[in-house]
Amino acid sequence: MNATNRDEFLDLFSPEDRVAFDASLLALAADIPSAEPPAYVKESLFGRLATAPRRNPTLEQNRKAASTLPETQFSFREEAVFQFSHLSGVTARMLHLDPLTKRFSAVVKLQPGSRIPPHHHDGLEECLVIDGELIVGSVRMRAGDYQWADAGSEHVEQWTDVGATLLLSGPMSLLAG
């Protein structure tokens, strides 16, 4: 029974009956003997607590934990560097550059009024709006909206009137100014 259901249930009784009901529950609870959980339950619980990642780890704690996963690369927010692009009001945090596939992944921030001119795609481009709004032609994309443009396609001008944060993945040619 959750708190709302309990309150609705208790509303059926007079204040005196509620006091008596609460007293009866306390008396019943006092008569229940305490029980020690089996050792394996305690060991399992404490084991999970000991190995669980901290809720608010420091950067050093995260780096240490990451060092135990050598085949996985991490980029922590405390180390994030946003660099200015060749476009006014646009900065990017490069997440990954893959010289083999000639692709990149980045978090891109656009200030209000920023524009990305029309461009050609020589590879698949993917874009997820994380925050704000991005206007592509006559489509207003909001947080959670996703678009992709196939290789060989032409992208119309994109812009934002309120600012936007995007997760962008595409061919390295898009990085050229």
C-alpha atoms as a PDB file:
ATOM      1  CA  MET A   1       0.000   0.000   0.000  1.00  0.00           C
ATOM      2  CA  ASN A   2       1.524   3.315  -0.988  1.00  0.00           C
ATOM      3  CA  ALA A   3       1.141   6.556   0.960  1.00  0.00           C
ATOM      4  CA  THR A   4      -1.729   7.811  -1.222  1.00  0.00           C
ATOM      5  CA  ASN A   5      -3.726   4.580  -0.818  1.00  0.00           C
ATOM      6  CA  ARG A   6      -3.015   4.559   2.944  1.00  0.00           C
ATOM      7  CA  ASP A   7      -4.256   8.136   3.272  1.00  0.00           C
ATOM      8  CA  GLU A   8      -7.393   7.361   1.265  1.00  0.00           C
ATOM      9  CA  PHE A   9      -7.993   4.311   3.463  1.00  0.00           C
ATOM     10  CA  LEU A  10      -7.518   6.314   6.662  1.00  0.00           C
ATOM     11  CA  ASP A  11      -9.889   9.037   5.424  1.00  0.00           C
ATOM     12  CA  LEU A  12     -12.682   6.483   5.889  1.00  0.00           C
ATOM     13  CA  PHE A  13     -12.169   6.625   9.674  1.00  0.00           C
ATOM     14  CA  SER A  14     -12.782   9.279  12.296  1.00  0.00           C
ATOM     15  CA  PRO A  15      -9.714  10.886  13.905  1.00  0.00           C
ATOM     16  CA  GLU A  16     -10.223   8.748  17.035  1.00  0.00           C
ATOM     17  CA  ASP A  17     -10.414   5.559  14.972  1.00  0.00           C
ATOM     18  CA  ARG A  18      -7.216   6.550  13.135  1.00  0.00           C
ATOM     19  CA  VAL A  19      -5.349   6.953  16.419  1.00  0.00           C
ATOM     20  CA  ALA A  20      -6.604   3.529  17.547  1.00  0.00           C
ATOM     21  CA  PHE A  21      -5.657   2.007  14.167  1.00  0.00           C
ATOM     22  CA  ASP A  22      -2.118   3.438  14.370  1.00  0.00           C
ATOM     23  CA  ALA A  23      -1.756   2.178  17.951  1.00  0.00           C
ATOM     24  CA  SER A  24      -2.865  -1.302  16.855  1.00  0.00           C
ATOM     25  CA  LEU A  25      -0.304  -1.332  14.018  1.00  0.00           C
ATOM     26  CA  LEU A  26       2.480  -0.286  16.391  1.00  0.00           C
ATOM     27  CA  ALA A  27       1.501  -3.000  18.873  1.00  0.00           C
ATOM     28  CA  LEU A  28       1.494  -5.630  16.104  1.00  0.00           C
ATOM     29  CA  ALA A  29       4.885  -4.468  14.850  1.00  0.00           C
ATOM     30  CA  ALA A  30       6.317  -4.616  18.383  1.00  0.00           C
ATOM     31  CA  ASP A  31       5.254  -8.274  18.655  1.00  0.00           C
ATOM     32  CA  ILE A  32       7.116  -9.305  15.495  1.00  0.00           C
ATOM     33  CA  PRO A  33      10.489 -10.747  16.448  1.00  0.00           C
ATOM     34  CA  SER A  34      13.489  -9.371  14.579  1.00  0.00           C
ATOM     35  CA  ALA A  35      15.115 -11.792  12.204  1.00  0.00           C
ATOM     36  CA  GLU A  36      18.701 -11.965  11.052  1.00  0.00           C
ATOM     37  CA  PRO A  37      18.928 -12.410   7.271  1.00  0.00           C
ATOM     38  CA  PRO A  38      20.884 -15.429   6.085  1.00  0.00           C
ATOM     39  CA  ALA A  39      24.622 -14.788   5.738  1.00  0.00           C
ATOM     40  CA  TYR A  40      24.553 -15.276   1.955  1.00  0.00           C
ATOM     41  CA  VAL A  41      21.978 -12.449   1.625  1.00  0.00           C
ATOM     42  CA  LYS A  42      24.155 -10.045   3.620  1.00  0.00           C
ATOM     43  CA  GLU A  43      27.303 -11.078   1.724  1.00  0.00           C
ATOM     44  CA  SER A  44      25.586 -10.616  -1.623  1.00  0.00           C
ATOM     45  CA  LEU A  45      24.203  -7.190  -0.687  1.00  0.00           C
ATOM     46  CA  PHE A  46      27.445  -5.893   0.791  1.00  0.00           C
ATOM     47  CA  GLY A  47      29.370  -7.297  -2.174  1.00  0.00           C
ATOM     48  CA  ARG A  48      27.197  -5.397  -4.628  1.00  0.00           C
ATOM     49  CA  LEU A  49      27.487  -2.199  -2.589  1.00  0.00           C
ATOM     50  CA  ALA A  50      31.281  -2.511  -2.452  1.00  0.00           C
ATOM     51  CA  THR A  51      31.663  -2.889  -6.222  1.00  0.00           C
ATOM     52  CA  ALA A  52      28.961  -0.452  -7.339  1.00  0.00           C
ATOM     53  CA  PRO A  53      30.284   2.736  -8.961  1.00  0.00           C
ATOM     54  CA  ARG A  54      30.091   5.774  -6.715  1.00  0.00           C
ATOM     55  CA  ARG A  55      27.139   8.039  -7.352  1.00  0.00           C
ATOM     56  CA  ASN A  56      29.317  11.164  -7.743  1.00  0.00           C
ATOM     57  CA  PRO A  57      32.808   9.921  -8.579  1.00  0.00           C
ATOM     58  CA  THR A  58      35.713  12.309  -8.899  1.00  0.00           C
ATOM     59  CA  LEU A  59      37.572  12.540 -12.185  1.00  0.00           C
ATOM     60  CA  GLU A  60      40.459  10.576 -10.663  1.00  0.00           C
ATOM     61  CA  GLN A  61      38.098   7.814  -9.483  1.00  0.00           C
ATOM     62  CA  ASN A  62      36.599   7.591 -12.970  1.00  0.00           C
ATOM     63  CA  ARG A  63      40.059   7.506 -14.579  1.00  0.00           C
ATOM     64  CA  LYS A  64      41.102   4.686 -12.233  1.00  0.00           C
ATOM     65  CA  ALA A  65      37.924   2.715 -12.991  1.00  0.00           C
ATOM     66  CA  ALA A  66      38.391   3.321 -16.725  1.00  0.00           C
ATOM     67  CA  SER A  67      41.937   1.931 -16.560  1.00  0.00           C
ATOM     68  CA  THR A  68      40.429  -1.471 -15.751  1.00  0.00           C
ATOM     69  CA  LEU A  69      38.660  -1.441 -19.142  1.00  0.00           C
ATOM     70  CA  PRO A  70      41.591  -1.047 -21.578  1.00  0.00           C
ATOM     71  CA  GLU A  71      39.538  -1.857 -24.686  1.00  0.00           C
ATOM     72  CA  THR A  72      37.050   0.932 -23.984  1.00  0.00           C
ATOM     73  CA  GLN A  73      37.912   4.617 -24.385  1.00  0.00           C
ATOM     74  CA  PHE A  74      36.356   7.325 -22.225  1.00  0.00           C
ATOM     75  CA  SER A  75      36.094  11.095 -22.519  1.00  0.00           C
ATOM     76  CA  PHE A  76      35.013  12.625 -19.216  1.00  0.00           C
ATOM     77  CA  ARG A  77      33.052  15.847 -18.989  1.00  0.00           C
ATOM     78  CA  GLU A  78      35.614  17.462 -16.675  1.00  0.00           C
ATOM     79  CA  GLU A  79      38.166  17.192 -19.497  1.00  0.00           C
ATOM     80  CA  ALA A  80      35.828  18.449 -22.220  1.00  0.00           C
ATOM     81  CA  VAL A  81      37.256  21.165 -24.425  1.00  0.00           C
ATOM     82  CA  PHE A  82      34.987  22.949 -26.875  1.00  0.00           C
ATOM     83  CA  GLN A  83      36.901  24.481 -29.760  1.00  0.00           C
ATOM     84  CA  PHE A  84      35.703  27.210 -32.071  1.00  0.00           C
ATOM     85  CA  SER A  85      34.902  26.126 -35.599  1.00  0.00           C
ATOM     86  CA  HIS A  86      35.171  28.045 -38.850  1.00  0.00           C
ATOM     87  CA  LEU A  87      31.464  28.912 -38.424  1.00  0.00           C
ATOM     88  CA  SER A  88      30.496  31.887 -36.269  1.00  0.00           C
ATOM     89  CA  GLY A  89      28.841  30.905 -32.981  1.00  0.00           C
ATOM     90  CA  VAL A  90      29.615  27.194 -33.400  1.00  0.00           C
ATOM     91  CA  THR A  91      31.903  25.230 -31.076  1.00  0.00           C
ATOM     92  CA  ALA A  92      32.618  21.507 -30.996  1.00  0.00           C
ATOM     93  CA  ARG A  93      33.924  18.944 -28.543  1.00  0.00           C
ATOM     94  CA  MET A  94      35.538  16.261 -30.662  1.00  0.00           C
ATOM     95  CA  LEU A  95      34.716  12.847 -29.210  1.00  0.00           C
ATOM     96  CA  HIS A  96      36.321  10.587 -31.779  1.00  0.00           C
ATOM     97  CA  LEU A  97      38.210  10.834 -35.051  1.00  0.00           C
ATOM     98  CA  ASP A  98      38.582   7.577 -36.945  1.00  0.00           C
ATOM     99  CA  PRO A  99      41.275   7.885 -39.640  1.00  0.00           C
ATOM    100  CA  LEU A 100      40.479   4.409 -40.940  1.00  0.00           C
ATOM    101  CA  THR A 101      36.829   5.154 -41.789  1.00  0.00           C
ATOM    102  CA  LYS A 102      37.407   8.927 -42.096  1.00  0.00           C
ATOM    103  CA  ARG A 103      34.515   9.628 -39.711  1.00  0.00           C
ATOM    104  CA  PHE A 104      34.108  11.742 -36.597  1.00  0.00           C
ATOM    105  CA  SER A 105      31.774  12.079 -33.636  1.00  0.00           C
ATOM    106  CA  ALA A 106      31.348  15.380 -31.789  1.00  0.00           C
ATOM    107  CA  VAL A 107      29.127  17.354 -29.466  1.00  0.00           C
ATOM    108  CA  VAL A 108      28.372  20.603 -31.283  1.00  0.00           C
ATOM    109  CA  LYS A 109      27.042  23.750 -29.621  1.00  0.00           C
ATOM    110  CA  LEU A 110      25.351  26.450 -31.658  1.00  0.00           C
ATOM    111  CA  GLN A 111      24.703  29.863 -30.161  1.00  0.00           C
ATOM    112  CA  PRO A 112      21.355  31.550 -30.936  1.00  0.00           C
ATOM    113  CA  GLY A 113      21.451  32.892 -34.503  1.00  0.00           C
ATOM    114  CA  SER A 114      24.185  30.462 -35.640  1.00  0.00           C
ATOM    115  CA  ARG A 115      23.920  29.052 -39.140  1.00  0.00           C
ATOM    116  CA  ILE A 116      25.367  26.039 -40.926  1.00  0.00           C
ATOM    117  CA  PRO A 117      25.408  26.708 -44.669  1.00  0.00           C
ATOM    118  CA  PRO A 118      24.165  24.227 -47.280  1.00  0.00           C
ATOM    119  CA  HIS A 119      26.687  21.452 -47.863  1.00  0.00           C
ATOM    120  CA  HIS A 120      27.274  18.182 -49.687  1.00  0.00           C
ATOM    121  CA  HIS A 121      27.629  14.828 -47.922  1.00  0.00           C
ATOM    122  CA  ASP A 122      30.283  12.447 -49.173  1.00  0.00           C
ATOM    123  CA  GLY A 123      29.284  10.084 -46.357  1.00  0.00           C
ATOM    124  CA  LEU A 124      26.412   9.459 -43.959  1.00  0.00           C
ATOM    125  CA  GLU A 125      25.778  12.302 -41.481  1.00  0.00           C
ATOM    126  CA  GLU A 126      23.780  11.693 -38.295  1.00  0.00           C
ATOM    127  CA  CYS A 127      22.504  14.362 -35.925  1.00  0.00           C
ATOM    128  CA  LEU A 128      20.704  14.061 -32.578  1.00  0.00           C
ATOM    129  CA  VAL A 129      19.440  17.237 -30.906  1.00  0.00           C
ATOM    130  CA  ILE A 130      20.403  17.019 -27.230  1.00  0.00           C
ATOM    131  CA  ASP A 131      19.176  20.453 -26.181  1.00  0.00           C
ATOM    132  CA  GLY A 132      17.618  23.518 -27.788  1.00  0.00           C
ATOM    133  CA  GLU A 133      16.280  23.601 -31.335  1.00  0.00           C
ATOM    134  CA  LEU A 134      17.751  23.207 -34.811  1.00  0.00           C
ATOM    135  CA  ILE A 135      15.868  24.388 -37.883  1.00  0.00           C
ATOM    136  CA  VAL A 136      16.553  22.332 -41.036  1.00  0.00           C
ATOM    137  CA  GLY A 137      14.719  23.874 -43.986  1.00  0.00           C
ATOM    138  CA  SER A 138      11.180  24.227 -42.622  1.00  0.00           C
ATOM    139  CA  VAL A 139      11.556  21.483 -39.971  1.00  0.00           C
ATOM    140  CA  ARG A 140      12.090  22.575 -36.368  1.00  0.00           C
ATOM    141  CA  MET A 141      13.955  19.826 -34.517  1.00  0.00           C
ATOM    142  CA  ARG A 142      13.830  19.749 -30.707  1.00  0.00           C
ATOM    143  CA  ALA A 143      15.643  17.786 -27.990  1.00  0.00           C
ATOM    144  CA  GLY A 144      15.426  14.079 -28.795  1.00  0.00           C
ATOM    145  CA  ASP A 145      14.823  14.574 -32.529  1.00  0.00           C
ATOM    146  CA  TYR A 146      17.173  12.796 -34.939  1.00  0.00           C
ATOM    147  CA  GLN A 147      18.030  13.208 -38.590  1.00  0.00           C
ATOM    148  CA  TRP A 148      20.417  11.558 -41.020  1.00  0.00           C
ATOM    149  CA  ALA A 149      21.525  12.497 -44.474  1.00  0.00           C
ATOM    150  CA  ASP A 150      22.788   9.791 -46.815  1.00  0.00           C
ATOM    151  CA  ALA A 151      26.054   9.938 -48.710  1.00  0.00           C
ATOM    152  CA  GLY A 152      25.654  11.951 -51.902  1.00  0.00           C
ATOM    153  CA  SER A 153      22.831  14.104 -50.506  1.00  0.00           C
ATOM    154  CA  GLU A 154      22.706  17.883 -50.240  1.00  0.00           C
ATOM    155  CA  HIS A 155      21.893  19.517 -46.915  1.00  0.00           C
ATOM    156  CA  VAL A 156      19.903  22.737 -46.839  1.00  0.00           C
ATOM    157  CA  GLU A 157      20.922  25.561 -44.516  1.00  0.00           C
ATOM    158  CA  GLN A 158      20.475  24.766 -40.838  1.00  0.00           C
ATOM    159  CA  TRP A 159      20.198  27.342 -38.099  1.00  0.00           C
ATOM    160  CA  THR A 160      18.947  28.012 -34.604  1.00  0.00           C
ATOM    161  CA  ASP A 161      17.153  30.953 -33.093  1.00  0.00           C
ATOM    162  CA  VAL A 162      17.406  29.689 -29.481  1.00  0.00           C
ATOM    163  CA  GLY A 163      20.696  27.765 -29.514  1.00  0.00           C
ATOM    164  CA  ALA A 164      21.258  24.030 -29.729  1.00  0.00           C
ATOM    165  CA  THR A 165      23.495  21.216 -28.549  1.00  0.00           C
ATOM    166  CA  LEU A 166      23.883  18.349 -31.019  1.00  0.00           C
ATOM    167  CA  LEU A 167      25.515  14.944 -31.142  1.00  0.00           C
ATOM    168  CA  LEU A 168      26.925  14.863 -34.659  1.00  0.00           C
ATOM    169  CA  SER A 169      28.583  11.992 -36.517  1.00  0.00           C
ATOM    170  CA  GLY A 170      29.731  12.150 -40.077  1.00  0.00           C
ATOM    171  CA  PRO A 171      32.534  12.134 -42.643  1.00  0.00           C
ATOM    172  CA  MET A 172      35.637  14.169 -41.790  1.00  0.00           C
ATOM    173  CA  SER A 173      35.029  16.239 -44.908  1.00  0.00           C
ATOM    174  CA  LEU A 174      32.289  18.075 -42.951  1.00  0.00           C
ATOM    175  CA  LEU A 175      35.011  19.501 -40.700  1.00  0.00           C
ATOM    176  CA  ALA A 176      36.708  21.378 -43.554  1.00  0.00           C
ATOM    177  CA  GLY A 177      36.088  25.090 -43.671  1.00  0.00           C
END
